[in-house]
Amino acid sequence: MRVLALLLCLGLFGCEKNIKQFKHFKSGTIGINRKVQLVSCSDGKVLREWSGRFMIEVQNGMASWLDANNNDVKISGCFVIEEI
């Protein structure tokens, strides 16, 4: 209920910056449902795919996160991160 009230306040009175701050907070605390695809840079074919609720750090062209088994996953190259 509190989350709904917060979202309404952000929607009515906030701007994109406030919504992004809320998303960053949510990502850092409970994670966001995401799908990550590592794709071939030459033809765009999906090489590997991950999905789940996690926080992703993107830095210097590399993405990293902890998967469902607490394994540290790091990828670089061509990848797509999508919120689901």
PDB file of N, CA and C in Angstrom:
ATOM      1  N   MET A   1       0.823  -1.188   0.000  1.00  0.00           N
ATOM      2  CA  MET A   1       0.000   0.000   0.000  1.00  0.00           C
ATOM      3  C   MET A   1       0.871   1.256   0.000  1.00  0.00           C
ATOM      4  N   ARG A   2       1.936   1.228   0.797  1.00  0.00           N
ATOM      5  CA  ARG A   2       2.830   2.389   0.851  1.00  0.00           C
ATOM      6  C   ARG A   2       3.534   2.601  -0.479  1.00  0.00           C
ATOM      7  N   VAL A   3       3.897   1.486  -1.127  1.00  0.00           N
ATOM      8  CA  VAL A   3       4.565   1.596  -2.415  1.00  0.00           C
ATOM      9  C   VAL A   3       3.635   2.236  -3.438  1.00  0.00           C
ATOM     10  N   LEU A   4       2.368   1.843  -3.414  1.00  0.00           N
ATOM     11  CA  LEU A   4       1.389   2.425  -4.330  1.00  0.00           C
ATOM     12  C   LEU A   4       1.249   3.921  -4.095  1.00  0.00           C
ATOM     13  N   ALA A   5       1.186   4.327  -2.825  1.00  0.00           N
ATOM     14  CA  ALA A   5       1.083   5.747  -2.506  1.00  0.00           C
ATOM     15  C   ALA A   5       2.319   6.499  -2.994  1.00  0.00           C
ATOM     16  N   LEU A   6       3.487   5.895  -2.817  1.00  0.00           N
ATOM     17  CA  LEU A   6       4.728   6.527  -3.268  1.00  0.00           C
ATOM     18  C   LEU A   6       4.734   6.663  -4.788  1.00  0.00           C
ATOM     19  N   LEU A   7       4.291   5.622  -5.484  1.00  0.00           N
ATOM     20  CA  LEU A   7       4.250   5.688  -6.941  1.00  0.00           C
ATOM     21  C   LEU A   7       3.282   6.758  -7.429  1.00  0.00           C
ATOM     22  N   LEU A   8       2.139   6.877  -6.751  1.00  0.00           N
ATOM     23  CA  LEU A   8       1.179   7.919  -7.130  1.00  0.00           C
ATOM     24  C   LEU A   8       1.771   9.305  -6.936  1.00  0.00           C
ATOM     25  N   CYS A   9       2.455   9.499  -5.819  1.00  0.00           N
ATOM     26  CA  CYS A   9       3.081  10.801  -5.559  1.00  0.00           C
ATOM     27  C   CYS A   9       4.147  11.103  -6.606  1.00  0.00           C
ATOM     28  N   LEU A  10       4.954  10.095  -6.935  1.00  0.00           N
ATOM     29  CA  LEU A  10       5.984  10.308  -7.943  1.00  0.00           C
ATOM     30  C   LEU A  10       5.359  10.611  -9.303  1.00  0.00           C
ATOM     31  N   GLY A  11       4.279   9.904  -9.613  1.00  0.00           N
ATOM     32  CA  GLY A  11       3.620  10.110 -10.894  1.00  0.00           C
ATOM     33  C   GLY A  11       2.965  11.468 -11.004  1.00  0.00           C
ATOM     34  N   LEU A  12       2.371  11.935  -9.909  1.00  0.00           N
ATOM     35  CA  LEU A  12       1.660  13.203  -9.945  1.00  0.00           C
ATOM     36  C   LEU A  12       2.588  14.400  -9.802  1.00  0.00           C
ATOM     37  N   PHE A  13       3.561  14.279  -8.919  1.00  0.00           N
ATOM     38  CA  PHE A  13       4.379  15.438  -8.597  1.00  0.00           C
ATOM     39  C   PHE A  13       5.839  15.298  -9.011  1.00  0.00           C
ATOM     40  N   GLY A  14       6.252  14.089  -9.337  1.00  0.00           N
ATOM     41  CA  GLY A  14       7.651  13.846  -9.636  1.00  0.00           C
ATOM     42  C   GLY A  14       7.969  14.061 -11.096  1.00  0.00           C
ATOM     43  N   CYS A  15       9.205  13.894 -11.372  1.00  0.00           N
ATOM     44  CA  CYS A  15       9.654  13.972 -12.741  1.00  0.00           C
ATOM     45  C   CYS A  15      10.461  12.709 -13.030  1.00  0.00           C
ATOM     46  N   GLU A  16      11.007  12.628 -14.194  1.00  0.00           N
ATOM     47  CA  GLU A  16      11.770  11.447 -14.585  1.00  0.00           C
ATOM     48  C   GLU A  16      12.919  11.174 -13.609  1.00  0.00           C
ATOM     49  N   LYS A  17      13.535  12.217 -13.105  1.00  0.00           N
ATOM     50  CA  LYS A  17      14.653  12.059 -12.174  1.00  0.00           C
ATOM     51  C   LYS A  17      14.202  11.319 -10.914  1.00  0.00           C
ATOM     52  N   ASN A  18      13.038  11.676 -10.365  1.00  0.00           N
ATOM     53  CA  ASN A  18      12.536  11.014  -9.158  1.00  0.00           C
ATOM     54  C   ASN A  18      12.192   9.555  -9.430  1.00  0.00           C
ATOM     55  N   ILE A  19      11.624   9.288 -10.578  1.00  0.00           N
ATOM     56  CA  ILE A  19      11.271   7.917 -10.927  1.00  0.00           C
ATOM     57  C   ILE A  19      12.534   7.074 -11.067  1.00  0.00           C
ATOM     58  N   LYS A  20      13.570   7.626 -11.683  1.00  0.00           N
ATOM     59  CA  LYS A  20      14.840   6.905 -11.820  1.00  0.00           C
ATOM     60  C   LYS A  20      15.470   6.648 -10.459  1.00  0.00           C
ATOM     61  N   GLN A  21      15.404   7.616  -9.556  1.00  0.00           N
ATOM     62  CA  GLN A  21      15.959   7.423  -8.215  1.00  0.00           C
ATOM     63  C   GLN A  21      15.235   6.298  -7.497  1.00  0.00           C
ATOM     64  N   PHE A  22      13.916   6.219  -7.645  1.00  0.00           N
ATOM     65  CA  PHE A  22      13.152   5.144  -7.032  1.00  0.00           C
ATOM     66  C   PHE A  22      13.558   3.797  -7.634  1.00  0.00           C
ATOM     67  N   LYS A  23      13.744   3.739  -8.955  1.00  0.00           N
ATOM     68  CA  LYS A  23      14.169   2.499  -9.616  1.00  0.00           C
ATOM     69  C   LYS A  23      15.540   2.067  -9.114  1.00  0.00           C
ATOM     70  N   HIS A  24      16.468   3.013  -8.962  1.00  0.00           N
ATOM     71  CA  HIS A  24      17.799   2.681  -8.453  1.00  0.00           C
ATOM     72  C   HIS A  24      17.713   2.139  -7.027  1.00  0.00           C
ATOM     73  N   PHE A  25      16.861   2.746  -6.211  1.00  0.00           N
ATOM     74  CA  PHE A  25      16.671   2.275  -4.840  1.00  0.00           C
ATOM     75  C   PHE A  25      16.108   0.857  -4.847  1.00  0.00           C
ATOM     76  N   LYS A  26      15.087   0.624  -5.658  1.00  0.00           N
ATOM     77  CA  LYS A  26      14.466  -0.704  -5.752  1.00  0.00           C
ATOM     78  C   LYS A  26      15.480  -1.730  -6.251  1.00  0.00           C
ATOM     79  N   SER A  27      16.272  -1.374  -7.234  1.00  0.00           N
ATOM     80  CA  SER A  27      17.272  -2.282  -7.778  1.00  0.00           C
ATOM     81  C   SER A  27      18.297  -2.668  -6.719  1.00  0.00           C
ATOM     82  N   GLY A  28      18.714  -1.692  -5.915  1.00  0.00           N
ATOM     83  CA  GLY A  28      19.722  -1.951  -4.900  1.00  0.00           C
ATOM     84  C   GLY A  28      19.212  -2.700  -3.687  1.00  0.00           C
ATOM     85  N   THR A  29      17.911  -2.687  -3.441  1.00  0.00           N
ATOM     86  CA  THR A  29      17.379  -3.353  -2.254  1.00  0.00           C
ATOM     87  C   THR A  29      16.795  -4.724  -2.557  1.00  0.00           C
ATOM     88  N   ILE A  30      15.830  -4.794  -3.457  1.00  0.00           N
ATOM     89  CA  ILE A  30      15.201  -6.090  -3.740  1.00  0.00           C
ATOM     90  C   ILE A  30      15.487  -6.581  -5.148  1.00  0.00           C
ATOM     91  N   GLY A  31      16.109  -5.769  -5.962  1.00  0.00           N
ATOM     92  CA  GLY A  31      16.390  -6.153  -7.334  1.00  0.00           C
ATOM     93  C   GLY A  31      15.199  -5.891  -8.242  1.00  0.00           C
ATOM     94  N   ILE A  32      15.436  -5.954  -9.518  1.00  0.00           N
ATOM     95  CA  ILE A  32      14.403  -5.744 -10.525  1.00  0.00           C
ATOM     96  C   ILE A  32      14.421  -6.955 -11.447  1.00  0.00           C
ATOM     97  N   ASN A  33      13.234  -7.421 -11.835  1.00  0.00           N
ATOM     98  CA  ASN A  33      13.173  -8.537 -12.780  1.00  0.00           C
ATOM     99  C   ASN A  33      13.763  -8.091 -14.104  1.00  0.00           C
ATOM    100  N   ARG A  34      14.774  -8.830 -14.559  1.00  0.00           N
ATOM    101  CA  ARG A  34      15.470  -8.450 -15.779  1.00  0.00           C
ATOM    102  C   ARG A  34      15.771  -9.677 -16.633  1.00  0.00           C
ATOM    103  N   LYS A  35      15.994  -9.410 -17.904  1.00  0.00           N
ATOM    104  CA  LYS A  35      16.497 -10.421 -18.822  1.00  0.00           C
ATOM    105  C   LYS A  35      17.754  -9.844 -19.448  1.00  0.00           C
ATOM    106  N   VAL A  36      18.838 -10.616 -19.415  1.00  0.00           N
ATOM    107  CA  VAL A  36      20.106 -10.192 -20.000  1.00  0.00           C
ATOM    108  C   VAL A  36      20.434 -11.162 -21.123  1.00  0.00           C
ATOM    109  N   GLN A  37      20.743 -10.617 -22.270  1.00  0.00           N
ATOM    110  CA  GLN A  37      21.129 -11.447 -23.408  1.00  0.00           C
ATOM    111  C   GLN A  37      22.516 -11.050 -23.883  1.00  0.00           C
ATOM    112  N   LEU A  38      23.396 -12.030 -23.978  1.00  0.00           N
ATOM    113  CA  LEU A  38      24.698 -11.839 -24.599  1.00  0.00           C
ATOM    114  C   LEU A  38      24.522 -12.216 -26.058  1.00  0.00           C
ATOM    115  N   VAL A  39      24.798 -11.281 -26.945  1.00  0.00           N
ATOM    116  CA  VAL A  39      24.543 -11.509 -28.368  1.00  0.00           C
ATOM    117  C   VAL A  39      25.835 -11.407 -29.173  1.00  0.00           C
ATOM    118  N   SER A  40      25.842 -12.076 -30.293  1.00  0.00           N
ATOM    119  CA  SER A  40      26.971 -12.007 -31.209  1.00  0.00           C
ATOM    120  C   SER A  40      27.019 -10.620 -31.828  1.00  0.00           C
ATOM    121  N   CYS A  41      28.169  -9.988 -31.787  1.00  0.00           N
ATOM    122  CA  CYS A  41      28.296  -8.639 -32.356  1.00  0.00           C
ATOM    123  C   CYS A  41      28.216  -8.659 -33.875  1.00  0.00           C
ATOM    124  N   SER A  42      28.516  -9.801 -34.498  1.00  0.00           N
ATOM    125  CA  SER A  42      28.523  -9.850 -35.961  1.00  0.00           C
ATOM    126  C   SER A  42      27.143 -10.093 -36.560  1.00  0.00           C
ATOM    127  N   ASP A  43      26.346 -10.992 -35.953  1.00  0.00           N
ATOM    128  CA  ASP A  43      25.053 -11.292 -36.564  1.00  0.00           C
ATOM    129  C   ASP A  43      23.862 -11.122 -35.622  1.00  0.00           C
ATOM    130  N   GLY A  44      24.087 -10.759 -34.379  1.00  0.00           N
ATOM    131  CA  GLY A  44      23.001 -10.489 -33.438  1.00  0.00           C
ATOM    132  C   GLY A  44      22.328 -11.715 -32.844  1.00  0.00           C
ATOM    133  N   LYS A  45      22.872 -12.901 -33.079  1.00  0.00           N
ATOM    134  CA  LYS A  45      22.286 -14.119 -32.510  1.00  0.00           C
ATOM    135  C   LYS A  45      22.549 -14.173 -31.012  1.00  0.00           C
ATOM    136  N   VAL A  46      21.556 -14.653 -30.265  1.00  0.00           N
ATOM    137  CA  VAL A  46      21.686 -14.764 -28.814  1.00  0.00           C
ATOM    138  C   VAL A  46      22.614 -15.927 -28.491  1.00  0.00           C
ATOM    139  N   LEU A  47      23.701 -15.633 -27.759  1.00  0.00           N
ATOM    140  CA  LEU A  47      24.663 -16.654 -27.367  1.00  0.00           C
ATOM    141  C   LEU A  47      24.329 -17.261 -26.006  1.00  0.00           C
ATOM    142  N   ARG A  48      23.821 -16.414 -25.097  1.00  0.00           N
ATOM    143  CA  ARG A  48      23.494 -16.860 -23.739  1.00  0.00           C
ATOM    144  C   ARG A  48      22.455 -15.911 -23.180  1.00  0.00           C
ATOM    145  N   GLU A  49      21.602 -16.413 -22.285  1.00  0.00           N
ATOM    146  CA  GLU A  49      20.538 -15.582 -21.719  1.00  0.00           C
ATOM    147  C   GLU A  49      20.374 -15.891 -20.235  1.00  0.00           C
ATOM    148  N   TRP A  50      20.149 -14.839 -19.451  1.00  0.00           N
ATOM    149  CA  TRP A  50      19.890 -14.958 -18.025  1.00  0.00           C
ATOM    150  C   TRP A  50      18.633 -14.155 -17.710  1.00  0.00           C
ATOM    151  N   SER A  51      17.875 -14.616 -16.744  1.00  0.00           N
ATOM    152  CA  SER A  51      16.734 -13.824 -16.286  1.00  0.00           C
ATOM    153  C   SER A  51      16.566 -14.058 -14.795  1.00  0.00           C
ATOM    154  N   GLY A  52      16.031 -13.059 -14.124  1.00  0.00           N
ATOM    155  CA  GLY A  52      15.815 -13.150 -12.687  1.00  0.00           C
ATOM    156  C   GLY A  52      15.745 -11.774 -12.074  1.00  0.00           C
ATOM    157  N   ARG A  53      15.655 -11.762 -10.766  1.00  0.00           N
ATOM    158  CA  ARG A  53      15.589 -10.511 -10.010  1.00  0.00           C
ATOM    159  C   ARG A  53      16.979 -10.246  -9.458  1.00  0.00           C
ATOM    160  N   PHE A  54      17.675  -9.288 -10.054  1.00  0.00           N
ATOM    161  CA  PHE A  54      19.012  -8.954  -9.591  1.00  0.00           C
ATOM    162  C   PHE A  54      19.372  -7.511  -9.900  1.00  0.00           C
ATOM    163  N   MET A  55      20.413  -7.065  -9.221  1.00  0.00           N
ATOM    164  CA  MET A  55      20.957  -5.737  -9.446  1.00  0.00           C
ATOM    165  C   MET A  55      22.167  -5.889 -10.358  1.00  0.00           C
ATOM    166  N   ILE A  56      22.217  -5.113 -11.405  1.00  0.00           N
ATOM    167  CA  ILE A  56      23.309  -5.204 -12.377  1.00  0.00           C
ATOM    168  C   ILE A  56      24.179  -3.968 -12.266  1.00  0.00           C
ATOM    169  N   GLU A  57      25.476  -4.193 -12.259  1.00  0.00           N
ATOM    170  CA  GLU A  57      26.434  -3.095 -12.310  1.00  0.00           C
ATOM    171  C   GLU A  57      27.041  -3.085 -13.700  1.00  0.00           C
ATOM    172  N   VAL A  58      26.974  -1.941 -14.365  1.00  0.00           N
ATOM    173  CA  VAL A  58      27.569  -1.792 -15.691  1.00  0.00           C
ATOM    174  C   VAL A  58      28.694  -0.776 -15.567  1.00  0.00           C
ATOM    175  N   GLN A  59      29.889  -1.210 -15.990  1.00  0.00           N
ATOM    176  CA  GLN A  59      31.045  -0.325 -15.875  1.00  0.00           C
ATOM    177  C   GLN A  59      32.060  -0.694 -16.955  1.00  0.00           C
ATOM    178  N   ASN A  60      32.542   0.285 -17.674  1.00  0.00           N
ATOM    179  CA  ASN A  60      33.564   0.096 -18.706  1.00  0.00           C
ATOM    180  C   ASN A  60      33.185  -0.978 -19.720  1.00  0.00           C
ATOM    181  N   GLY A  61      31.932  -0.997 -20.154  1.00  0.00           N
ATOM    182  CA  GLY A  61      31.501  -1.947 -21.164  1.00  0.00           C
ATOM    183  C   GLY A  61      31.320  -3.365 -20.671  1.00  0.00           C
ATOM    184  N   MET A  62      31.277  -3.542 -19.345  1.00  0.00           N
ATOM    185  CA  MET A  62      31.106  -4.864 -18.760  1.00  0.00           C
ATOM    186  C   MET A  62      29.935  -4.824 -17.780  1.00  0.00           C
ATOM    187  N   ALA A  63      29.127  -5.878 -17.762  1.00  0.00           N
ATOM    188  CA  ALA A  63      28.014  -5.983 -16.816  1.00  0.00           C
ATOM    189  C   ALA A  63      28.310  -7.117 -15.853  1.00  0.00           C
ATOM    190  N   SER A  64      27.938  -6.937 -14.584  1.00  0.00           N
ATOM    191  CA  SER A  64      28.139  -8.007 -13.599  1.00  0.00           C
ATOM    192  C   SER A  64      26.963  -8.020 -12.635  1.00  0.00           C
ATOM    193  N   TRP A  65      26.649  -9.230 -12.136  1.00  0.00           N
ATOM    194  CA  TRP A  65      25.571  -9.431 -11.177  1.00  0.00           C
ATOM    195  C   TRP A  65      25.742 -10.786 -10.516  1.00  0.00           C
ATOM    196  N   LEU A  66      24.990 -11.003  -9.443  1.00  0.00           N
ATOM    197  CA  LEU A  66      24.948 -12.302  -8.779  1.00  0.00           C
ATOM    198  C   LEU A  66      23.708 -13.031  -9.276  1.00  0.00           C
ATOM    199  N   ASP A  67      23.891 -14.260  -9.763  1.00  0.00           N
ATOM    200  CA  ASP A  67      22.747 -15.018 -10.248  1.00  0.00           C
ATOM    201  C   ASP A  67      22.026 -15.701  -9.087  1.00  0.00           C
ATOM    202  N   ALA A  68      21.026 -16.526  -9.392  1.00  0.00           N
ATOM    203  CA  ALA A  68      20.207 -17.181  -8.368  1.00  0.00           C
ATOM    204  C   ALA A  68      21.023 -18.109  -7.467  1.00  0.00           C
ATOM    205  N   ASN A  69      22.164 -18.593  -7.954  1.00  0.00           N
ATOM    206  CA  ASN A  69      23.033 -19.480  -7.167  1.00  0.00           C
ATOM    207  C   ASN A  69      24.172 -18.728  -6.490  1.00  0.00           C
ATOM    208  N   ASN A  70      24.075 -17.405  -6.438  1.00  0.00           N
ATOM    209  CA  ASN A  70      25.106 -16.530  -5.872  1.00  0.00           C
ATOM    210  C   ASN A  70      26.436 -16.614  -6.606  1.00  0.00           C
ATOM    211  N   ASN A  71      26.404 -16.962  -7.882  1.00  0.00           N
ATOM    212  CA  ASN A  71      27.606 -16.930  -8.714  1.00  0.00           C
ATOM    213  C   ASN A  71      27.752 -15.533  -9.302  1.00  0.00           C
ATOM    214  N   ASP A  72      28.974 -15.030  -9.286  1.00  0.00           N
ATOM    215  CA  ASP A  72      29.247 -13.709  -9.856  1.00  0.00           C
ATOM    216  C   ASP A  72      29.372 -13.854 -11.369  1.00  0.00           C
ATOM    217  N   VAL A  73      28.427 -13.290 -12.100  1.00  0.00           N
ATOM    218  CA  VAL A  73      28.414 -13.367 -13.562  1.00  0.00           C
ATOM    219  C   VAL A  73      28.950 -12.053 -14.103  1.00  0.00           C
ATOM    220  N   LYS A  74      29.907 -12.140 -15.013  1.00  0.00           N
ATOM    221  CA  LYS A  74      30.474 -10.954 -15.659  1.00  0.00           C
ATOM    222  C   LYS A  74      30.474 -11.205 -17.160  1.00  0.00           C
ATOM    223  N   ILE A  75      29.946 -10.243 -17.908  1.00  0.00           N
ATOM    224  CA  ILE A  75      29.943 -10.352 -19.362  1.00  0.00           C
ATOM    225  C   ILE A  75      30.438  -9.049 -19.975  1.00  0.00           C
ATOM    226  N   SER A  76      30.985  -9.159 -21.162  1.00  0.00           N
ATOM    227  CA  SER A  76      31.376  -7.974 -21.929  1.00  0.00           C
ATOM    228  C   SER A  76      31.115  -8.274 -23.394  1.00  0.00           C
ATOM    229  N   GLY A  77      31.265  -7.286 -24.218  1.00  0.00           N
ATOM    230  CA  GLY A  77      30.961  -7.449 -25.634  1.00  0.00           C
ATOM    231  C   GLY A  77      29.619  -6.817 -25.931  1.00  0.00           C
ATOM    232  N   CYS A  78      28.807  -7.504 -26.705  1.00  0.00           N
ATOM    233  CA  CYS A  78      27.479  -7.004 -27.072  1.00  0.00           C
ATOM    234  C   CYS A  78      26.437  -7.684 -26.201  1.00  0.00           C
ATOM    235  N   PHE A  79      25.698  -6.899 -25.440  1.00  0.00           N
ATOM    236  CA  PHE A  79      24.665  -7.466 -24.582  1.00  0.00           C
ATOM    237  C   PHE A  79      23.503  -6.501 -24.471  1.00  0.00           C
ATOM    238  N   VAL A  80      22.334  -7.081 -24.128  1.00  0.00           N
ATOM    239  CA  VAL A  80      21.101  -6.315 -23.975  1.00  0.00           C
ATOM    240  C   VAL A  80      20.551  -6.603 -22.594  1.00  0.00           C
ATOM    241  N   ILE A  81      20.214  -5.564 -21.847  1.00  0.00           N
ATOM    242  CA  ILE A  81      19.588  -5.697 -20.528  1.00  0.00           C
ATOM    243  C   ILE A  81      18.190  -5.141 -20.646  1.00  0.00           C
ATOM    244  N   GLU A  82      17.213  -5.970 -20.290  1.00  0.00           N
ATOM    245  CA  GLU A  82      15.818  -5.588 -20.435  1.00  0.00           C
ATOM    246  C   GLU A  82      15.094  -5.809 -19.125  1.00  0.00           C
ATOM    247  N   GLU A  83      14.292  -4.832 -18.719  1.00  0.00           N
ATOM    248  CA  GLU A  83      13.444  -4.994 -17.539  1.00  0.00           C
ATOM    249  C   GLU A  83      12.193  -5.740 -17.963  1.00  0.00           C
ATOM    250  N   ILE A  84      11.849  -6.796 -17.192  1.00  0.00           N
ATOM    251  CA  ILE A  84      10.652  -7.580 -17.531  1.00  0.00           C
ATOM    252  C   ILE A  84       9.633  -7.520 -16.434  1.00  0.00           C
TER     253      ILE A  84
END
